[in-house]
Amino acid sequence: MENSNEKIINELKATNNNVKDYIESLNSIETKALTIAVRELESSFSIEKSIGFINYQKNLFNAIKHKNN
């Protein structure tokens, strides 16, 4: 049976593959911070607008861009 933290993370992972990959790239402290943010901010939290996710996407884009050059 999932605890509430696992449920929060699994619901976020179901959003889309980019979110899933981002969450799976987090270390345990970052995952705990994400869980707290979701729990405390509730409906006002958006992972897609979070600084960590935005930076993850920028880094991913830059890695793909450099790979293609």
C-alpha atoms as a PDB file:
ATOM      1  CA  MET A   1       0.000   0.000   0.000  1.00  0.00           C
ATOM      2  CA  GLU A   2       1.304   3.448  -0.934  1.00  0.00           C
ATOM      3  CA  ASN A   3       1.883   6.065   1.700  1.00  0.00           C
ATOM      4  CA  SER A   4       0.724   9.619   0.998  1.00  0.00           C
ATOM      5  CA  ASN A   5       4.158  10.767  -0.210  1.00  0.00           C
ATOM      6  CA  GLU A   6       4.418   7.915  -2.720  1.00  0.00           C
ATOM      7  CA  LYS A   7       0.890   8.646  -3.911  1.00  0.00           C
ATOM      8  CA  ILE A   8       1.742  12.323  -4.516  1.00  0.00           C
ATOM      9  CA  ILE A   9       4.871  11.431  -6.493  1.00  0.00           C
ATOM     10  CA  ASN A  10       3.100   8.748  -8.529  1.00  0.00           C
ATOM     11  CA  GLU A  11       0.271  11.130  -9.407  1.00  0.00           C
ATOM     12  CA  LEU A  12       2.817  13.691 -10.629  1.00  0.00           C
ATOM     13  CA  LYS A  13       4.673  11.045 -12.649  1.00  0.00           C
ATOM     14  CA  ALA A  14       1.428  10.228 -14.430  1.00  0.00           C
ATOM     15  CA  THR A  15       1.239  13.809 -15.761  1.00  0.00           C
ATOM     16  CA  ASN A  16       3.557  13.172 -18.724  1.00  0.00           C
ATOM     17  CA  ASN A  17       6.887  11.552 -19.592  1.00  0.00           C
ATOM     18  CA  ASN A  18       8.918  14.764 -19.107  1.00  0.00           C
ATOM     19  CA  VAL A  19       7.565  15.154 -15.579  1.00  0.00           C
ATOM     20  CA  LYS A  20       8.174  11.459 -14.892  1.00  0.00           C
ATOM     21  CA  ASP A  21      11.780  11.701 -16.121  1.00  0.00           C
ATOM     22  CA  TYR A  22      12.337  14.872 -14.083  1.00  0.00           C
ATOM     23  CA  ILE A  23      11.023  13.318 -10.879  1.00  0.00           C
ATOM     24  CA  GLU A  24      13.110  10.188 -11.422  1.00  0.00           C
ATOM     25  CA  SER A  25      16.211  12.399 -11.776  1.00  0.00           C
ATOM     26  CA  LEU A  26      15.710  13.924  -8.310  1.00  0.00           C
ATOM     27  CA  ASN A  27      17.692  12.796  -5.305  1.00  0.00           C
ATOM     28  CA  SER A  28      15.922  11.847  -2.070  1.00  0.00           C
ATOM     29  CA  ILE A  29      16.110  15.354  -0.574  1.00  0.00           C
ATOM     30  CA  GLU A  30      14.727  16.952  -3.739  1.00  0.00           C
ATOM     31  CA  THR A  31      11.938  14.369  -3.857  1.00  0.00           C
ATOM     32  CA  LYS A  32      11.024  15.114  -0.252  1.00  0.00           C
ATOM     33  CA  ALA A  33      10.988  18.874  -0.987  1.00  0.00           C
ATOM     34  CA  LEU A  34       8.760  18.267  -3.999  1.00  0.00           C
ATOM     35  CA  THR A  35       6.374  16.191  -1.912  1.00  0.00           C
ATOM     36  CA  ILE A  36       6.186  18.911   0.742  1.00  0.00           C
ATOM     37  CA  ALA A  37       5.566  21.589  -1.894  1.00  0.00           C
ATOM     38  CA  VAL A  38       2.722  19.594  -3.437  1.00  0.00           C
ATOM     39  CA  ARG A  39       1.184  18.830  -0.064  1.00  0.00           C
ATOM     40  CA  GLU A  40       1.451  22.376   1.317  1.00  0.00           C
ATOM     41  CA  LEU A  41       0.621  24.373  -1.820  1.00  0.00           C
ATOM     42  CA  GLU A  42      -2.088  21.970  -2.975  1.00  0.00           C
ATOM     43  CA  SER A  43      -3.893  23.229  -6.079  1.00  0.00           C
ATOM     44  CA  SER A  44      -1.650  26.287  -6.467  1.00  0.00           C
ATOM     45  CA  PHE A  45       1.390  24.064  -7.131  1.00  0.00           C
ATOM     46  CA  SER A  46       2.318  23.386 -10.740  1.00  0.00           C
ATOM     47  CA  ILE A  47       5.330  21.183 -11.391  1.00  0.00           C
ATOM     48  CA  GLU A  48       5.548  22.521 -14.950  1.00  0.00           C
ATOM     49  CA  LYS A  49       6.038  26.041 -13.547  1.00  0.00           C
ATOM     50  CA  SER A  50       8.496  25.052 -10.831  1.00  0.00           C
ATOM     51  CA  ILE A  51      12.038  26.379 -11.099  1.00  0.00           C
ATOM     52  CA  GLY A  52      13.511  22.889 -10.865  1.00  0.00           C
ATOM     53  CA  PHE A  53      11.407  21.538 -13.728  1.00  0.00           C
ATOM     54  CA  ILE A  54      12.057  24.596 -15.907  1.00  0.00           C
ATOM     55  CA  ASN A  55      15.818  24.261 -15.336  1.00  0.00           C
ATOM     56  CA  TYR A  56      15.614  20.530 -16.059  1.00  0.00           C
ATOM     57  CA  GLN A  57      13.926  21.233 -19.388  1.00  0.00           C
ATOM     58  CA  LYS A  58      16.482  23.921 -20.284  1.00  0.00           C
ATOM     59  CA  ASN A  59      19.352  21.545 -19.516  1.00  0.00           C
ATOM     60  CA  LEU A  60      17.697  18.783 -21.510  1.00  0.00           C
ATOM     61  CA  PHE A  61      17.144  21.125 -24.467  1.00  0.00           C
ATOM     62  CA  ASN A  62      20.756  22.317 -24.330  1.00  0.00           C
ATOM     63  CA  ALA A  63      22.055  18.740 -24.194  1.00  0.00           C
ATOM     64  CA  ILE A  64      19.984  17.797 -27.243  1.00  0.00           C
ATOM     65  CA  LYS A  65      21.024  20.971 -29.049  1.00  0.00           C
ATOM     66  CA  HIS A  66      24.740  20.307 -28.425  1.00  0.00           C
ATOM     67  CA  LYS A  67      24.358  16.669 -29.410  1.00  0.00           C
ATOM     68  CA  ASN A  68      22.916  17.707 -32.778  1.00  0.00           C
ATOM     69  CA  ASN A  69      25.693  20.219 -33.495  1.00  0.00           C
END
